[in-house]
Amino acid sequence: MFEGRPILVVVPARGGSQGVKLKNLREIGGVPLVARAGLVAAELDFADRAVVSTDHDEIARVSEGAGLAAPFRRPESLSGPTIGDLDVLSHALLEMERQDGTRYDIVVMLQPTSPSRTADHVRRTVAMLVRNGLDAVWTVSETDSKAHPLKQLTVGDDGRLGYYDPAGAAIVARQQLKPVYHRNGIAYAFTRECLLDQKTIMGARTGAVVIEGPTV
């Protein structure tokens, strides 16, 4: 629990990645990505339960070796490339509440593809959620100014170049750009109500923990 709030940690790791086959089993420093997520989850003394949501037996086996429980297999209907985090997390939450006979107030998502994650990153995310009374908190990183939306271009079917946003034509120096951020996948925290009642991973009140430095 974190300040009296029961917490379920979910590591989503399906087996059917289209880009990199079984990417969640790829090793960084000799440790599979999904196992790295499990090892961080094991450091979270406030986590009441930590599980992997997978449709793949080998991912389940490796996850269990790193301390994650694998008490269910994700159904085929939630295993395709277009399935969003909301559906996966809601399924895991309801299934674990059914199995455990309990209610989890907070769901933490740790995506395997963020191997630079630390337990402190996750603690900061959960602390912000609870202490600020938010619906969700995401970790983010500042986007390099070269990739700022106002500096993006389009190329038409006729080969002609244009600005993605016409306001970009007025930008002559990076100092004119307001910082923008992108999600880095290190940690997410959601209230039960955000997932099941608001039915979104970006609730009405969503906060950000900004992570400095490299996140991959």
Protein backbone atom coordinates (compact mmCIF):
# COMPACT_ATOMS: atom_id res chain seq x y z
CA MET A 1 0.00 0.00 0.00
CA PHE A 2 0.99 3.61 -0.49
CA GLU A 3 -0.47 5.78 2.26
CA GLY A 4 -3.31 3.30 2.70
CA ARG A 5 -4.03 2.82 -1.02
CA PRO A 6 -3.73 -0.79 -2.30
CA ILE A 7 -1.59 -0.94 -5.43
CA LEU A 8 -1.47 -3.34 -8.37
CA VAL A 9 1.57 -3.22 -10.65
CA VAL A 10 0.98 -4.43 -14.22
CA VAL A 11 3.72 -5.16 -16.75
CA PRO A 12 2.12 -5.44 -20.22
CA ALA A 13 4.15 -7.80 -22.41
CA ARG A 14 2.40 -9.46 -25.32
CA GLY A 15 4.28 -11.92 -27.48
CA GLY A 16 3.18 -10.80 -30.94
CA SER A 17 5.22 -7.66 -31.54
CA GLN A 18 5.23 -6.86 -35.26
CA GLY A 19 8.32 -4.64 -35.30
CA VAL A 20 10.79 -6.75 -33.31
CA LYS A 21 9.87 -10.38 -32.74
CA LEU A 22 9.43 -11.14 -29.02
CA LYS A 23 10.96 -7.77 -28.18
CA ASN A 24 9.98 -8.13 -24.52
CA LEU A 25 12.44 -11.03 -24.24
CA ARG A 26 15.31 -9.10 -25.83
CA GLU A 27 18.23 -8.76 -23.44
CA ILE A 28 19.93 -5.61 -22.18
CA GLY A 29 23.06 -6.37 -20.20
CA GLY A 30 22.13 -10.05 -20.24
CA VAL A 31 18.70 -9.46 -18.68
CA PRO A 32 15.45 -9.75 -20.69
CA LEU A 33 13.46 -6.51 -20.85
CA VAL A 34 10.43 -8.00 -19.12
CA ALA A 35 12.67 -9.32 -16.34
CA ARG A 36 14.16 -5.86 -15.85
CA ALA A 37 10.67 -4.50 -15.26
CA GLY A 38 10.05 -7.31 -12.78
CA LEU A 39 13.23 -6.56 -10.86
CA VAL A 40 12.22 -2.93 -10.47
CA ALA A 41 8.72 -3.97 -9.35
CA ALA A 42 10.34 -6.16 -6.69
CA GLU A 43 11.96 -3.03 -5.20
CA LEU A 44 8.59 -1.33 -4.71
CA ASP A 45 7.78 -2.09 -1.09
CA PHE A 46 4.40 -0.37 -1.47
CA ALA A 47 3.18 -2.70 -4.25
CA ASP A 48 0.60 -5.19 -3.00
CA ARG A 49 0.71 -7.28 -6.20
CA ALA A 50 2.88 -7.24 -9.33
CA VAL A 51 1.79 -9.20 -12.39
CA VAL A 52 2.60 -9.59 -16.06
CA SER A 53 -0.18 -9.35 -18.61
CA THR A 54 0.89 -11.60 -21.47
CA ASP A 55 -0.41 -14.04 -24.02
CA HIS A 56 2.92 -15.87 -24.28
CA ASP A 57 4.10 -18.77 -22.10
CA GLU A 58 7.83 -18.02 -22.37
CA ILE A 59 7.29 -14.37 -21.41
CA ALA A 60 5.26 -15.61 -18.45
CA ARG A 61 8.06 -18.00 -17.42
CA VAL A 62 10.77 -15.34 -17.63
CA SER A 63 8.56 -12.87 -15.76
CA GLU A 64 7.98 -15.31 -12.92
CA GLY A 65 11.73 -15.83 -12.66
CA ALA A 66 12.10 -12.09 -12.05
CA GLY A 67 9.43 -12.00 -9.37
CA LEU A 68 6.33 -11.11 -11.37
CA ALA A 69 3.25 -13.28 -10.99
CA ALA A 70 1.64 -14.65 -14.16
CA PRO A 71 -1.77 -15.76 -12.85
CA PHE A 72 -3.61 -15.38 -16.15
CA ARG A 73 -3.05 -15.25 -19.89
CA ARG A 74 -4.25 -12.25 -21.81
CA PRO A 75 -7.16 -13.26 -24.08
CA GLU A 76 -6.65 -13.21 -27.84
CA SER A 77 -9.06 -10.28 -28.12
CA LEU A 78 -6.54 -8.16 -26.18
CA SER A 79 -3.40 -9.39 -27.92
CA GLY A 80 -3.45 -7.58 -31.24
CA PRO A 81 -1.27 -4.64 -32.33
CA THR A 82 -4.14 -2.12 -32.16
CA ILE A 83 -5.20 -2.87 -28.58
CA GLY A 84 -4.64 0.10 -26.29
CA ASP A 85 -3.30 0.27 -22.76
CA LEU A 86 -6.73 1.05 -21.30
CA ASP A 87 -8.20 -2.31 -22.32
CA VAL A 88 -5.16 -4.26 -21.14
CA LEU A 89 -5.00 -2.53 -17.77
CA SER A 90 -8.73 -2.73 -17.13
CA HIS A 91 -8.68 -6.45 -17.87
CA ALA A 92 -5.72 -7.04 -15.56
CA LEU A 93 -7.28 -4.99 -12.78
CA LEU A 94 -10.64 -6.74 -12.86
CA GLU A 95 -9.09 -10.19 -13.23
CA MET A 96 -6.76 -9.70 -10.29
CA GLU A 97 -9.52 -8.26 -8.14
CA ARG A 98 -11.55 -11.37 -8.96
CA GLN A 99 -8.68 -13.74 -8.20
CA ASP A 100 -7.47 -11.94 -5.09
CA GLY A 101 -10.87 -11.07 -3.69
CA THR A 102 -9.75 -7.50 -3.08
CA ARG A 103 -10.01 -4.01 -4.53
CA TYR A 104 -6.96 -2.17 -5.85
CA ASP A 105 -7.18 1.62 -5.66
CA ILE A 106 -4.18 2.30 -7.90
CA VAL A 107 -2.75 0.59 -10.98
CA VAL A 108 0.89 1.18 -11.93
CA MET A 109 1.99 0.29 -15.46
CA LEU A 110 5.65 -0.55 -16.18
CA GLN A 111 6.31 -1.07 -19.87
CA PRO A 112 9.24 -3.46 -20.49
CA THR A 113 10.74 -1.29 -23.23
CA SER A 114 12.07 1.31 -20.76
CA PRO A 115 15.16 -0.43 -19.29
CA SER A 116 16.57 2.74 -17.69
CA ARG A 117 13.70 2.77 -15.18
CA THR A 118 14.51 2.93 -11.48
CA ALA A 119 12.36 2.26 -8.44
CA ASP A 120 12.67 5.94 -7.54
CA HIS A 121 11.03 6.94 -10.82
CA VAL A 122 8.04 4.79 -9.94
CA ARG A 123 7.85 6.02 -6.34
CA ARG A 124 7.80 9.63 -7.52
CA THR A 125 5.00 8.83 -9.94
CA VAL A 126 2.81 7.15 -7.33
CA ALA A 127 3.56 9.81 -4.73
CA MET A 128 2.41 12.56 -7.08
CA LEU A 129 -0.80 10.69 -7.87
CA VAL A 130 -1.72 10.12 -4.23
CA ARG A 131 -0.53 13.34 -2.62
CA ASN A 132 -1.91 15.65 -5.32
CA GLY A 133 -5.24 13.83 -5.57
CA LEU A 134 -4.84 13.18 -9.30
CA ASP A 135 -6.51 10.68 -11.62
CA ALA A 136 -3.32 9.71 -13.45
CA VAL A 137 0.38 10.53 -13.64
CA TRP A 138 2.70 9.83 -16.56
CA THR A 139 6.47 10.11 -16.73
CA VAL A 140 7.62 12.30 -19.62
CA SER A 141 10.80 13.65 -21.16
CA GLU A 142 11.35 17.02 -22.78
CA THR A 143 11.35 16.74 -26.57
CA ASP A 144 14.44 17.98 -28.39
CA SER A 145 13.71 21.30 -30.06
CA LYS A 146 14.56 19.81 -33.47
CA ALA A 147 11.49 17.59 -33.11
CA HIS A 148 9.20 20.37 -31.87
CA PRO A 149 5.78 20.35 -33.60
CA LEU A 150 6.33 23.87 -34.95
CA LYS A 151 9.51 22.72 -36.71
CA GLN A 152 7.92 19.73 -38.40
CA LEU A 153 7.36 19.70 -42.15
CA THR A 154 5.11 17.88 -44.58
CA VAL A 155 5.79 16.65 -48.09
CA GLY A 156 2.76 16.48 -50.36
CA ASP A 157 2.01 13.88 -53.01
CA ASP A 158 3.40 16.36 -55.54
CA GLY A 159 6.66 16.65 -53.59
CA ARG A 160 5.98 20.14 -52.32
CA LEU A 161 7.22 21.07 -48.86
CA GLY A 162 5.07 22.73 -46.23
CA TYR A 163 4.81 23.38 -42.52
CA TYR A 164 2.90 20.84 -40.44
CA ASP A 165 1.60 23.81 -38.46
CA PRO A 166 1.47 27.14 -40.37
CA ALA A 167 2.61 28.90 -37.18
CA GLY A 168 5.99 27.28 -37.74
CA ALA A 169 6.75 29.85 -40.43
CA ALA A 170 7.21 32.47 -37.71
CA ILE A 171 9.84 30.48 -35.77
CA VAL A 172 13.37 31.74 -36.38
CA ALA A 173 15.04 30.73 -33.10
CA ARG A 174 14.54 27.87 -30.66
CA GLN A 175 14.03 30.42 -27.86
CA GLN A 176 10.62 31.12 -29.40
CA LEU A 177 9.51 27.56 -28.78
CA LYS A 178 7.55 26.58 -25.70
CA PRO A 179 8.93 23.27 -24.38
CA VAL A 180 6.93 20.19 -25.28
CA TYR A 181 7.17 16.71 -23.81
CA HIS A 182 6.69 13.11 -24.87
CA ARG A 183 5.82 10.07 -22.83
CA ASN A 184 8.84 7.90 -22.17
CA GLY A 185 7.14 4.72 -20.88
CA ILE A 186 9.07 4.62 -17.61
CA ALA A 187 6.06 4.70 -15.31
CA TYR A 188 2.35 5.41 -15.27
CA ALA A 189 -0.02 5.46 -12.31
CA PHE A 190 -3.81 5.51 -12.47
CA THR A 191 -6.66 5.43 -10.02
CA ARG A 192 -9.19 2.65 -10.35
CA GLU A 193 -11.83 5.25 -11.17
CA CYS A 194 -9.74 6.70 -13.98
CA LEU A 195 -9.55 3.35 -15.74
CA LEU A 196 -13.00 1.93 -15.02
CA ASP A 197 -15.24 4.99 -14.71
CA GLN A 198 -13.57 7.66 -16.82
CA LYS A 199 -12.37 4.89 -19.16
CA THR A 200 -9.16 6.64 -20.09
CA ILE A 201 -5.47 6.63 -19.21
CA MET A 202 -5.39 10.44 -19.28
CA GLY A 203 -7.90 11.36 -16.64
CA ALA A 204 -9.53 14.71 -16.01
CA ARG A 205 -6.62 15.52 -13.67
CA THR A 206 -3.37 14.07 -15.01
CA GLY A 207 0.07 15.07 -13.79
CA ALA A 208 3.56 14.65 -15.17
CA VAL A 209 6.84 13.55 -13.63
CA VAL A 210 9.59 14.95 -15.85
CA ILE A 211 12.55 12.58 -16.16
CA GLU A 212 15.90 14.16 -16.94
CA GLY A 213 18.53 12.41 -19.06
CA PRO A 214 18.30 9.37 -21.34
CA THR A 215 15.30 7.07 -20.87
CA VAL A 216 16.18 4.10 -23.10
